[in-house]
N, C-alpha and C. Protein backbone atom coordinates (compact mmCIF):
# COMPACT_ATOMS: atom_id res chain seq x y z
N MET A 1 170.46 -6.42 -156.95
CA MET A 1 171.00 -5.06 -158.14
C MET A 1 171.19 -6.37 -159.69
N GLY A 2 171.00 -6.32 -160.27
CA GLY A 2 171.05 -7.00 -162.08
C GLY A 2 172.63 -6.18 -162.09
N ARG A 3 173.02 -7.47 -162.79
CA ARG A 3 174.28 -6.31 -163.46
C ARG A 3 174.02 -5.69 -164.77
N LYS A 4 174.98 -4.58 -164.67
CA LYS A 4 174.69 -4.02 -165.71
C LYS A 4 175.15 -4.49 -166.78
N LYS A 5 174.30 -3.89 -167.72
CA LYS A 5 174.49 -4.17 -169.32
C LYS A 5 175.29 -3.76 -169.81
N THR A 6 176.10 -4.79 -170.80
CA THR A 6 177.27 -4.42 -171.72
C THR A 6 176.99 -4.07 -173.40
N ASN A 7 178.27 -3.65 -174.05
CA ASN A 7 177.50 -3.13 -175.36
C ASN A 7 176.89 -4.11 -175.73
N LYS A 8 178.21 -5.36 -175.67
CA LYS A 8 176.96 -6.64 -176.50
C LYS A 8 175.91 -6.82 -176.04
N ASP A 9 174.90 -6.60 -174.83
CA ASP A 9 173.98 -7.23 -175.02
C ASP A 9 173.32 -6.09 -175.36
N ARG A 10 173.21 -4.80 -175.36
CA ARG A 10 172.55 -4.30 -175.94
C ARG A 10 172.62 -4.24 -177.65
N ILE A 11 173.80 -5.05 -177.89
CA ILE A 11 174.02 -5.22 -179.52
C ILE A 11 172.75 -6.06 -180.11
N MET A 12 172.52 -7.26 -178.54
CA MET A 12 171.61 -8.42 -178.99
C MET A 12 169.78 -8.29 -178.84
N GLU A 13 169.80 -7.02 -178.72
CA GLU A 13 168.98 -6.39 -178.56
C GLU A 13 168.09 -6.44 -179.72
N HIS A 14 166.49 -6.29 -179.72
CA HIS A 14 165.56 -6.27 -180.71
C HIS A 14 164.94 -5.48 -180.63
N PRO A 15 164.21 -4.34 -181.50
CA PRO A 15 165.52 -4.43 -182.58
C PRO A 15 166.88 -3.73 -182.27
N VAL A 16 167.76 -3.90 -183.27
CA VAL A 16 168.89 -3.37 -183.36
C VAL A 16 169.00 -2.23 -184.12
N THR A 17 169.28 -1.05 -183.75
CA THR A 17 169.79 0.13 -183.34
C THR A 17 170.59 0.88 -184.42
N TYR A 18 170.79 1.98 -185.08
CA TYR A 18 172.11 2.49 -185.08
C TYR A 18 173.18 3.42 -183.75
N GLU A 19 171.97 3.40 -182.75
CA GLU A 19 173.26 3.25 -181.83
C GLU A 19 173.98 2.30 -181.38
N ALA A 20 173.05 1.29 -180.94
CA ALA A 20 174.07 0.47 -180.55
C ALA A 20 175.09 -0.66 -181.64
N TYR A 21 174.55 -0.40 -182.81
CA TYR A 21 175.49 -0.52 -183.90
C TYR A 21 177.12 0.13 -184.00
N ALA A 22 176.91 1.85 -183.49
CA ALA A 22 178.18 3.02 -183.64
C ALA A 22 178.85 2.48 -182.68
N GLU A 23 178.20 1.49 -181.35
CA GLU A 23 178.78 1.33 -179.83
C GLU A 23 180.13 -0.34 -180.37
N MET A 24 179.43 -0.54 -180.98
CA MET A 24 180.35 -2.45 -181.47
C MET A 24 181.52 -1.89 -181.51
N PRO A 25 182.20 -2.18 -181.09
CA PRO A 25 184.12 -2.95 -180.43
C PRO A 25 184.15 -3.34 -181.95
N ASP A 26 185.07 -2.22 -182.18
CA ASP A 26 186.18 -3.08 -183.81
C ASP A 26 186.63 -4.74 -183.57
N ASP A 27 185.86 -5.59 -184.80
CA ASP A 27 186.60 -6.51 -184.10
C ASP A 27 187.02 -7.08 -185.79
N GLY A 28 187.03 -6.04 -186.84
CA GLY A 28 187.83 -6.61 -188.57
C GLY A 28 187.09 -6.50 -188.86
N LEU A 29 185.66 -7.54 -187.84
CA LEU A 29 184.43 -7.69 -189.48
C LEU A 29 183.67 -6.07 -190.02
N ARG A 30 182.87 -6.26 -191.02
CA ARG A 30 181.56 -5.39 -191.35
C ARG A 30 180.65 -5.97 -191.28
N TYR A 31 179.47 -4.97 -190.60
CA TYR A 31 178.18 -5.32 -190.59
C TYR A 31 177.15 -4.31 -191.21
N GLU A 32 176.19 -4.68 -191.57
CA GLU A 32 174.59 -3.97 -191.97
C GLU A 32 173.72 -3.68 -191.31
N VAL A 33 173.20 -3.13 -190.57
CA VAL A 33 171.54 -3.22 -190.02
C VAL A 33 170.19 -3.24 -190.54
N LEU A 34 170.04 -4.39 -190.86
CA LEU A 34 168.36 -4.29 -192.19
C LEU A 34 167.19 -5.37 -191.52
N ASP A 35 166.90 -3.70 -191.06
CA ASP A 35 165.07 -3.94 -190.48
C ASP A 35 165.31 -4.96 -189.01
N GLY A 36 166.66 -3.96 -188.36
CA GLY A 36 166.62 -3.69 -187.06
C GLY A 36 167.48 -5.08 -186.69
N GLU A 37 167.70 -6.42 -187.70
CA GLU A 37 169.13 -7.75 -187.39
C GLU A 37 169.92 -6.89 -188.18
N LEU A 38 171.10 -7.11 -187.03
CA LEU A 38 172.08 -7.42 -187.39
C LEU A 38 172.63 -8.19 -188.26
N GLU A 39 173.46 -7.90 -189.12
CA GLU A 39 173.95 -8.72 -190.94
C GLU A 39 175.33 -8.94 -190.86
N LEU A 40 176.42 -9.86 -190.55
CA LEU A 40 177.95 -10.04 -190.88
C LEU A 40 177.62 -10.10 -192.47
N MET A 41 178.42 -9.31 -192.89
CA MET A 41 178.52 -9.33 -194.14
C MET A 41 179.82 -10.22 -194.60
N SER A 42 180.08 -10.71 -195.90
CA SER A 42 180.89 -11.34 -196.33
C SER A 42 182.35 -11.19 -195.44
N PRO A 43 183.12 -11.91 -195.58
CA PRO A 43 184.18 -11.89 -194.80
C PRO A 43 185.13 -10.78 -195.74
N GLY A 44 185.43 -9.98 -196.85
CA GLY A 44 186.02 -9.19 -197.46
C GLY A 44 185.61 -9.46 -199.56
N PRO A 45 185.09 -8.48 -199.57
CA PRO A 45 184.73 -8.13 -200.87
C PRO A 45 185.92 -8.93 -201.73
N SER A 46 185.97 -9.80 -202.91
CA SER A 46 186.28 -11.18 -204.20
C SER A 46 187.61 -9.61 -205.03
N THR A 47 188.68 -10.14 -205.40
CA THR A 47 189.31 -9.26 -206.65
C THR A 47 188.45 -8.77 -207.65
N VAL A 48 187.30 -10.01 -208.03
CA VAL A 48 186.60 -10.15 -208.99
C VAL A 48 185.96 -8.43 -207.91
N HIS A 49 185.07 -8.65 -207.22
CA HIS A 49 184.43 -7.10 -206.51
C HIS A 49 184.76 -6.04 -206.73
N GLN A 50 186.16 -6.03 -205.94
CA GLN A 50 186.56 -5.24 -205.49
C GLN A 50 187.47 -4.33 -207.07
N VAL A 51 187.74 -5.18 -208.26
CA VAL A 51 188.20 -4.39 -209.62
C VAL A 51 187.06 -3.90 -209.83
N ILE A 52 185.86 -4.48 -210.57
CA ILE A 52 184.49 -4.08 -210.92
C ILE A 52 183.96 -3.14 -209.96
N GLY A 53 184.34 -2.69 -208.42
CA GLY A 53 184.09 -1.52 -208.03
C GLY A 53 184.93 -0.64 -208.22
N SER A 54 186.12 -0.93 -208.44
CA SER A 54 187.40 0.94 -208.69
C SER A 54 186.94 1.17 -210.21
N SER A 55 185.98 0.58 -211.12
CA SER A 55 186.39 0.21 -212.78
C SER A 55 184.43 1.44 -212.85
N LEU A 56 183.54 1.58 -211.60
CA LEU A 56 182.68 1.48 -211.71
C LEU A 56 183.30 3.23 -210.94
N HIS A 57 183.66 3.14 -210.31
CA HIS A 57 183.88 4.45 -209.70
C HIS A 57 184.67 5.04 -210.42
N LEU A 58 185.96 5.03 -211.52
CA LEU A 58 186.54 6.03 -212.82
C LEU A 58 185.23 6.31 -213.46
N LEU A 59 184.30 5.08 -213.64
CA LEU A 59 183.57 5.93 -215.53
C LEU A 59 182.48 6.35 -214.33
N VAL A 60 182.42 6.66 -213.65
CA VAL A 60 181.14 7.08 -213.51
C VAL A 60 181.48 8.97 -212.98
N GLN A 61 183.30 8.83 -213.01
CA GLN A 61 183.32 10.70 -213.17
C GLN A 61 183.11 11.87 -212.92
N SER A 62 182.69 11.23 -214.74
CA SER A 62 181.64 12.25 -215.61
C SER A 62 180.98 13.37 -214.87
N CYS A 63 180.51 12.63 -213.72
CA CYS A 63 179.25 13.13 -213.00
C CYS A 63 179.86 14.33 -211.78
N ALA A 64 181.56 14.02 -211.58
CA ALA A 64 181.98 14.27 -210.20
C ALA A 64 181.43 15.66 -209.90
N SER A 65 181.49 16.63 -210.66
CA SER A 65 180.63 18.16 -210.69
C SER A 65 179.50 17.81 -210.49
N GLU A 66 179.30 17.51 -210.09
CA GLU A 66 177.05 17.35 -210.29
C GLU A 66 176.70 16.79 -208.52
N TYR A 67 177.92 15.42 -208.74
CA TYR A 67 176.96 14.25 -207.28
C TYR A 67 178.53 14.18 -206.55
N PHE A 68 178.34 13.93 -205.47
CA PHE A 68 179.09 13.34 -204.22
C PHE A 68 178.97 12.03 -205.39
N ILE A 69 180.16 11.09 -205.04
CA ILE A 69 180.41 10.08 -205.99
C ILE A 69 181.24 9.16 -204.84
N LEU A 70 180.52 8.01 -203.40
CA LEU A 70 181.12 7.30 -202.42
C LEU A 70 181.31 5.89 -202.45
N ILE A 71 182.60 5.45 -201.86
CA ILE A 71 182.64 4.02 -202.29
C ILE A 71 182.52 3.47 -200.60
N ALA A 72 181.83 2.18 -200.62
CA ALA A 72 182.02 1.09 -199.33
C ALA A 72 183.79 1.02 -198.75
N PRO A 73 183.95 0.89 -197.71
CA PRO A 73 182.60 0.73 -196.67
C PRO A 73 182.46 2.66 -195.80
N LEU A 74 181.27 2.60 -195.88
CA LEU A 74 180.47 3.85 -195.34
C LEU A 74 178.90 3.53 -195.41
N ASP A 75 178.98 4.12 -193.86
CA ASP A 75 177.75 3.83 -193.31
C ASP A 75 176.88 4.57 -194.09
N VAL A 76 175.66 4.03 -194.95
CA VAL A 76 174.61 4.95 -194.86
C VAL A 76 173.15 4.75 -194.20
N ILE A 77 172.85 5.38 -193.95
CA ILE A 77 171.68 5.42 -191.93
C ILE A 77 170.88 6.10 -192.60
N LEU A 78 169.89 5.12 -193.69
CA LEU A 78 168.10 5.22 -194.10
C LEU A 78 167.62 5.21 -192.84
N SER A 79 167.49 4.74 -191.38
CA SER A 79 166.63 4.94 -190.41
C SER A 79 166.95 4.21 -189.38
N ARG A 80 167.26 5.09 -188.02
CA ARG A 80 167.92 3.88 -186.63
C ARG A 80 167.93 2.45 -186.88
N THR A 81 167.27 1.74 -187.88
CA THR A 81 167.22 0.11 -187.97
C THR A 81 167.12 -0.29 -189.58
N ASN A 82 168.14 0.30 -190.15
CA ASN A 82 168.01 0.68 -191.45
C ASN A 82 169.51 1.19 -191.80
N VAL A 83 170.75 0.42 -191.86
CA VAL A 83 172.14 1.44 -191.85
C VAL A 83 173.32 0.06 -193.18
N VAL A 84 173.32 1.04 -193.86
CA VAL A 84 173.77 -0.28 -195.10
C VAL A 84 175.26 -0.03 -195.49
N GLN A 85 175.80 -0.70 -196.32
CA GLN A 85 177.31 0.01 -197.37
C GLN A 85 177.27 -0.66 -197.88
N PRO A 86 176.39 0.13 -199.55
CA PRO A 86 176.48 -0.26 -200.44
C PRO A 86 178.13 0.41 -201.09
N ASP A 87 177.90 -0.32 -201.91
CA ASP A 87 179.16 -0.66 -202.59
C ASP A 87 179.91 0.50 -203.62
N LEU A 88 178.51 1.40 -204.14
CA LEU A 88 178.93 3.13 -204.73
C LEU A 88 177.10 3.67 -204.20
N ILE A 89 177.83 4.95 -203.67
CA ILE A 89 176.17 5.98 -203.43
C ILE A 89 177.10 7.11 -204.16
N MET A 90 176.05 8.13 -204.98
CA MET A 90 175.88 9.16 -205.70
C MET A 90 174.98 9.96 -205.33
N ILE A 91 175.33 11.10 -204.68
CA ILE A 91 174.02 12.23 -203.67
C ILE A 91 174.61 13.42 -204.60
N HIS A 92 173.87 13.85 -204.96
CA HIS A 92 173.44 14.99 -205.57
C HIS A 92 173.96 16.48 -204.95
N ARG A 93 174.85 17.75 -205.57
CA ARG A 93 175.55 18.52 -204.18
C ARG A 93 174.48 19.17 -203.42
N SER A 94 173.78 19.27 -204.41
CA SER A 94 172.22 20.40 -203.64
C SER A 94 172.02 19.72 -202.61
N ARG A 95 172.46 18.52 -202.16
CA ARG A 95 171.41 17.85 -200.77
C ARG A 95 172.90 17.12 -199.82
N ALA A 96 174.62 18.02 -200.18
CA ALA A 96 175.15 18.38 -199.44
C ALA A 96 175.31 17.94 -197.49
N ASP A 97 173.70 17.91 -197.35
CA ASP A 97 173.42 18.17 -195.85
C ASP A 97 172.76 16.59 -195.80
N ILE A 98 173.33 15.94 -196.20
CA ILE A 98 173.04 14.56 -195.84
C ILE A 98 174.02 13.25 -195.44
N VAL A 99 175.22 14.45 -195.89
CA VAL A 99 176.69 13.54 -195.72
C VAL A 99 176.95 14.23 -194.32
N THR A 100 177.25 13.48 -193.19
CA THR A 100 177.50 14.19 -192.36
C THR A 100 178.83 13.30 -191.89
N ILE A 101 179.69 13.37 -190.27
CA ILE A 101 181.17 12.78 -190.20
C ILE A 101 179.88 10.93 -189.27
N ARG A 102 178.99 10.75 -189.60
CA ARG A 102 179.07 9.95 -189.48
C ARG A 102 178.91 9.11 -190.56
N GLY A 103 178.68 9.39 -191.56
CA GLY A 103 178.07 8.91 -192.81
C GLY A 103 177.14 9.72 -193.44
N VAL A 104 176.45 8.77 -194.64
CA VAL A 104 175.31 9.22 -194.49
C VAL A 104 174.01 9.19 -194.19
N GLU A 105 173.13 10.05 -193.93
CA GLU A 105 172.16 10.09 -193.15
C GLU A 105 170.95 10.98 -193.86
N GLY A 106 170.57 9.71 -194.89
CA GLY A 106 169.68 10.17 -195.32
C GLY A 106 169.40 8.96 -196.51
N VAL A 107 168.80 9.27 -197.57
CA VAL A 107 168.57 8.61 -198.79
C VAL A 107 169.47 9.15 -200.41
N PRO A 108 170.20 8.11 -200.00
CA PRO A 108 171.74 8.64 -201.73
C PRO A 108 170.04 8.65 -202.96
N ASP A 109 170.61 9.26 -204.10
CA ASP A 109 169.99 9.73 -205.57
C ASP A 109 170.63 8.01 -206.02
N LEU A 110 171.47 7.34 -205.93
CA LEU A 110 171.91 6.35 -206.82
C LEU A 110 172.89 5.19 -205.87
N VAL A 111 172.38 4.34 -205.56
CA VAL A 111 172.76 3.15 -204.72
C VAL A 111 173.28 1.44 -205.83
N VAL A 112 174.51 1.45 -205.35
CA VAL A 112 174.77 0.40 -206.51
C VAL A 112 175.83 -0.75 -205.49
N GLU A 113 174.95 -1.53 -205.80
CA GLU A 113 175.42 -3.29 -205.20
C GLU A 113 176.22 -3.58 -206.31
N VAL A 114 177.84 -4.95 -205.96
CA VAL A 114 178.19 -5.35 -206.92
C VAL A 114 178.31 -6.78 -206.62
N LEU A 115 177.50 -7.90 -206.78
CA LEU A 115 177.06 -8.82 -206.40
C LEU A 115 178.35 -9.70 -206.36
N SER A 116 178.12 -10.65 -205.31
CA SER A 116 179.02 -11.78 -204.75
C SER A 116 178.68 -13.07 -204.46
N PRO A 117 178.88 -14.50 -204.52
CA PRO A 117 177.90 -14.94 -203.99
C PRO A 117 177.57 -15.23 -202.80
N GLY A 118 178.15 -14.58 -201.53
CA GLY A 118 177.33 -14.19 -200.20
C GLY A 118 176.74 -13.39 -200.01
N SER A 119 176.47 -12.36 -201.04
CA SER A 119 176.12 -11.11 -200.82
C SER A 119 174.77 -11.26 -201.90
N ARG A 120 174.50 -12.39 -202.90
CA ARG A 120 173.27 -12.19 -203.61
C ARG A 120 172.04 -12.00 -203.29
N LYS A 121 172.05 -13.10 -202.06
CA LYS A 121 170.49 -13.09 -202.10
C LYS A 121 169.95 -11.65 -201.22
N ARG A 122 170.89 -11.39 -200.45
CA ARG A 122 170.60 -10.19 -199.51
C ARG A 122 170.22 -8.81 -200.10
N ASP A 123 171.56 -9.20 -201.30
CA ASP A 123 170.72 -7.60 -202.66
C ASP A 123 169.98 -8.27 -202.92
N ARG A 124 168.96 -9.04 -203.72
CA ARG A 124 168.39 -8.81 -204.40
C ARG A 124 167.43 -9.14 -203.82
N LEU A 125 166.90 -9.46 -202.40
CA LEU A 125 165.51 -9.83 -202.19
C LEU A 125 165.50 -8.54 -200.73
N HIS A 126 166.75 -8.61 -199.68
CA HIS A 126 166.48 -7.69 -198.50
C HIS A 126 166.78 -6.65 -198.50
N LYS A 127 168.09 -6.20 -198.96
CA LYS A 127 167.72 -4.84 -198.83
C LYS A 127 167.61 -4.11 -200.31
N PHE A 128 167.23 -5.24 -201.99
CA PHE A 128 166.15 -4.35 -202.84
C PHE A 128 164.93 -3.85 -202.15
N GLN A 129 164.46 -4.51 -201.46
CA GLN A 129 162.95 -3.95 -200.84
C GLN A 129 163.22 -2.41 -199.33
N ILE A 130 164.37 -2.71 -198.81
CA ILE A 130 164.67 -1.74 -198.09
C ILE A 130 165.31 -0.80 -198.41
N TYR A 131 166.05 -0.84 -199.39
CA TYR A 131 166.09 0.46 -200.46
C TYR A 131 165.01 1.24 -200.79
N ALA A 132 163.70 0.24 -201.61
CA ALA A 132 162.62 1.02 -202.36
C ALA A 132 161.72 0.83 -201.36
N ARG A 133 161.57 0.75 -199.88
CA ARG A 133 160.90 0.85 -198.96
C ARG A 133 161.21 2.70 -198.39
N HIS A 134 162.35 2.37 -198.17
CA HIS A 134 163.06 4.41 -197.91
C HIS A 134 163.38 5.29 -199.22
N GLY A 135 163.28 4.65 -200.58
CA GLY A 135 162.89 5.82 -201.42
C GLY A 135 163.96 5.98 -201.90
N VAL A 136 164.86 5.14 -202.12
CA VAL A 136 165.94 5.42 -202.75
C VAL A 136 165.52 5.25 -204.08
N PRO A 137 165.75 6.59 -204.81
CA PRO A 137 165.35 6.83 -206.77
C PRO A 137 165.92 5.54 -208.14
N GLU A 138 166.84 5.05 -207.16
CA GLU A 138 167.71 4.66 -208.76
C GLU A 138 168.31 3.28 -208.02
N TYR A 139 168.30 1.87 -208.56
CA TYR A 139 169.24 1.03 -207.72
C TYR A 139 169.46 -0.15 -208.72
N TRP A 140 170.88 0.38 -208.37
CA TRP A 140 171.46 -0.75 -209.69
C TRP A 140 172.33 -2.20 -209.42
N ILE A 141 171.87 -3.27 -209.78
CA ILE A 141 172.86 -4.26 -209.69
C ILE A 141 174.03 -4.77 -210.52
N ILE A 142 175.15 -5.19 -210.03
CA ILE A 142 176.17 -5.33 -211.40
C ILE A 142 175.89 -7.18 -210.72
N GLU A 143 176.17 -7.76 -211.98
CA GLU A 143 176.39 -9.05 -211.89
C GLU A 143 177.90 -9.49 -212.23
N PRO A 144 178.86 -10.04 -211.70
CA PRO A 144 179.72 -10.10 -213.02
C PRO A 144 179.88 -11.50 -213.21
N VAL A 145 179.47 -12.25 -212.78
CA VAL A 145 179.62 -13.89 -213.70
C VAL A 145 178.70 -13.32 -214.88
N ALA A 146 177.46 -13.38 -214.63
CA ALA A 146 176.83 -12.72 -216.33
C ALA A 146 177.24 -11.38 -216.91
N GLN A 147 178.07 -10.30 -216.04
CA GLN A 147 178.57 -9.77 -216.93
C GLN A 147 177.12 -8.53 -217.40
N THR A 148 176.45 -8.64 -216.70
CA THR A 148 175.57 -7.21 -216.40
C THR A 148 175.24 -6.37 -215.53
N LEU A 149 174.25 -5.58 -215.88
CA LEU A 149 173.96 -3.81 -214.70
C LEU A 149 172.53 -4.02 -215.47
N GLU A 150 171.33 -3.86 -214.14
CA GLU A 150 170.29 -4.56 -214.32
C GLU A 150 170.35 -2.67 -213.78
N ARG A 151 169.42 -1.89 -214.14
CA ARG A 151 168.71 -0.69 -213.87
C ARG A 151 167.39 -0.58 -213.08
N PHE A 152 167.03 -0.21 -211.53
CA PHE A 152 165.69 -1.01 -211.28
C PHE A 152 165.27 1.39 -211.15
N GLU A 153 164.37 1.98 -212.00
CA GLU A 153 163.67 3.07 -211.17
C GLU A 153 162.61 2.10 -210.15
N LEU A 154 162.53 3.42 -209.38
CA LEU A 154 161.43 3.34 -208.24
C LEU A 154 160.06 4.03 -208.46
N ASN A 155 159.01 3.69 -208.13
CA ASN A 155 157.55 4.10 -209.21
C ASN A 155 156.98 4.95 -208.04
N SER A 156 156.12 5.61 -208.62
CA SER A 156 155.36 6.00 -207.49
C SER A 156 153.94 4.95 -206.28
N GLU A 157 154.00 3.49 -206.36
CA GLU A 157 153.82 3.01 -205.08
C GLU A 157 155.47 2.33 -204.16
N LEU A 158 156.56 3.17 -204.68
CA LEU A 158 157.83 2.36 -204.04
C LEU A 158 158.04 1.12 -204.05
N GLN A 159 157.99 0.82 -205.46
CA GLN A 159 158.03 -0.44 -205.65
C GLN A 159 159.43 -0.49 -206.86
N TYR A 160 160.46 -0.91 -206.90
CA TYR A 160 161.08 -0.96 -208.17
C TYR A 160 160.60 -1.60 -208.87
N GLU A 161 161.22 -0.54 -210.05
CA GLU A 161 161.11 -1.71 -211.89
C GLU A 161 161.98 -1.64 -212.45
N LEU A 162 162.69 -2.58 -213.10
CA LEU A 162 163.74 -2.91 -213.68
C LEU A 162 163.62 -2.10 -215.41
N ARG A 163 164.72 -1.23 -215.46
CA ARG A 163 164.10 -0.12 -216.90
C ARG A 163 165.01 -0.70 -217.76
N ASP A 164 166.16 -1.32 -217.71
CA ASP A 164 167.10 -1.53 -218.26
C ASP A 164 167.96 -2.66 -218.17
N LEU A 165 168.03 -3.64 -218.43
CA LEU A 165 169.27 -4.77 -219.04
C LEU A 165 170.19 -4.88 -219.54
N PHE A 166 171.34 -3.80 -218.78
CA PHE A 166 172.57 -3.50 -219.68
C PHE A 166 173.46 -4.83 -219.84
N GLU A 167 174.49 -5.04 -221.24
CA GLU A 167 175.29 -6.66 -221.78
C GLU A 167 175.91 -6.21 -222.53
N ASN A 168 177.19 -6.51 -223.04
CA ASN A 168 177.94 -6.83 -223.92
C ASN A 168 178.18 -5.54 -223.97
N ASP A 169 178.36 -4.38 -225.10
CA ASP A 169 178.83 -2.71 -225.70
C ASP A 169 177.00 -2.39 -225.42
N ASP A 170 176.61 -2.43 -224.49
CA ASP A 170 175.20 -1.77 -224.21
C ASP A 170 175.39 -0.21 -224.11
N ARG A 171 175.15 0.60 -224.37
CA ARG A 171 175.86 2.43 -223.21
C ARG A 171 175.34 2.22 -221.90
N VAL A 172 175.60 2.39 -220.74
CA VAL A 172 174.71 2.82 -219.72
C VAL A 172 174.37 3.48 -219.72
N SER A 173 172.98 3.99 -219.09
CA SER A 173 172.59 4.99 -219.43
C SER A 173 171.47 5.56 -218.60
N SER A 174 171.38 6.64 -218.38
CA SER A 174 169.94 7.40 -216.80
C SER A 174 169.25 8.39 -217.03
N ASP A 175 168.16 8.45 -216.69
CA ASP A 175 167.39 9.91 -216.88
C ASP A 175 167.20 10.53 -216.04
N LYS A 176 167.42 9.42 -214.88
CA LYS A 176 167.59 10.56 -213.64
C LYS A 176 169.31 10.73 -213.86
N LEU A 177 170.18 10.36 -214.47
CA LEU A 177 171.05 10.92 -214.43
C LEU A 177 172.37 11.13 -215.55
N PRO A 178 171.71 11.82 -216.57
CA PRO A 178 172.23 12.33 -217.69
C PRO A 178 173.29 12.41 -217.74
N CYS A 179 174.19 12.74 -216.28
CA CYS A 179 175.64 12.46 -217.48
C CYS A 179 176.07 11.63 -217.42
N ILE A 180 176.10 9.84 -217.34
CA ILE A 180 176.06 8.91 -217.09
C ILE A 180 176.16 8.64 -218.25
N SER A 181 177.25 8.04 -218.57
CA SER A 181 177.51 7.37 -220.74
C SER A 181 178.79 6.77 -220.01
N PHE A 182 178.35 5.13 -220.36
CA PHE A 182 179.67 4.34 -220.78
C PHE A 182 179.21 2.81 -220.86
N PRO A 183 180.38 2.18 -221.73
CA PRO A 183 179.63 0.69 -222.43
C PRO A 183 180.01 0.09 -221.32
N VAL A 184 178.53 -1.23 -220.53
CA VAL A 184 178.54 -1.59 -219.80
C VAL A 184 180.62 -2.51 -219.52
N SER A 185 180.10 -2.92 -220.95
CA SER A 185 181.83 -3.77 -221.31
C SER A 185 183.04 -3.24 -220.24
N ASP A 186 182.87 -1.96 -220.23
CA ASP A 186 184.28 -1.43 -219.92
C ASP A 186 184.20 -1.54 -218.24
N LEU A 187 183.31 -1.84 -217.25
CA LEU A 187 183.55 -2.30 -215.70
C LEU A 187 184.02 -4.33 -215.93
N PHE A 188 183.56 -4.56 -216.90
CA PHE A 188 184.45 -5.92 -216.99
C PHE A 188 186.06 -6.20 -218.11
N LYS A 189 186.43 -5.19 -218.38
CA LYS A 189 187.23 -5.17 -219.53
C LYS A 189 188.78 -5.60 -218.74
N ASP A 190 188.84 -4.79 -217.84
CA ASP A 190 190.36 -4.93 -216.80
C ASP A 190 190.53 -6.89 -217.34
N GLU A 191 191.86 -6.29 -217.36
CA GLU A 191 192.82 -8.39 -217.55
C GLU A 191 192.57 -9.17 -216.59
N LEU A 192 192.92 -8.49 -215.13
CA LEU A 192 191.86 -9.67 -213.96
C LEU A 192 191.23 -10.40 -214.00
N VAL A 193 190.05 -8.97 -214.62
CA VAL A 193 189.02 -10.07 -213.96
C VAL A 193 188.40 -10.74 -214.73
N ARG A 194 189.10 -10.71 -216.03
CA ARG A 194 188.38 -11.54 -217.17
C ARG A 194 189.30 -13.28 -216.87
N ARG A 195 190.31 -12.85 -216.63
CA ARG A 195 191.62 -14.18 -215.75
C ARG A 195 190.71 -14.87 -214.80
N LEU A 196 189.97 -13.77 -214.03
CA LEU A 196 189.35 -14.72 -213.12
C LEU A 196 188.28 -14.89 -212.98
N LEU A 197 187.69 -14.34 -213.77
CA LEU A 197 185.90 -14.87 -214.39
C LEU A 197 186.02 -16.24 -214.76
N ALA A 198 187.34 -15.89 -215.40
CA ALA A 198 187.40 -17.16 -216.64
C ALA A 198 187.01 -18.91 -215.85
N LEU A 199 188.10 -18.49 -214.35
CA LEU A 199 188.04 -19.39 -213.62
C LEU A 199 186.84 -19.78 -212.60
N ASN A 200 185.82 -19.51 -212.33
CA ASN A 200 183.93 -19.78 -212.34
C ASN A 200 183.90 -21.17 -213.19
């Protein structure tokens, strides 16, 4: 008789599913499941990443009456084999049914990733394709070093097209989310962010 499979064995099976991911013991690390592969996230967001994320959360509060605004760490379950933790998501309040005890079980209206050295390739390539394939209508990528915000919209062929590149004092806006309006420079104006970016 073979030995009983452990949680670790199930996690290593491919493809990794949400169920196996959810059974993982808490080891203090953060993971995502991308196309059935268990991916270890960066050890922890940098200070710059954290401050920019906090600033963004404040700047989109103009949408709070229409949208749920949620921040990481939070599981967004796009499918059994794609479980992601974007930095910020927005979900229209008419779609509250996709917000559950487990996390978000469905497609947000907006997904935002703040790049860090350990996430650049994942956010720009792998997750970029996953978000498009699952029909996330709008995806923002914030680049702290360049101090830019790229706004991508999904087209009818489920591919992202770059609609805007906001820099300097450009005002961030979105056809799909008219409640949004702020200068992109406000994401990077915190004295701590400026000091830390100057050290790069």
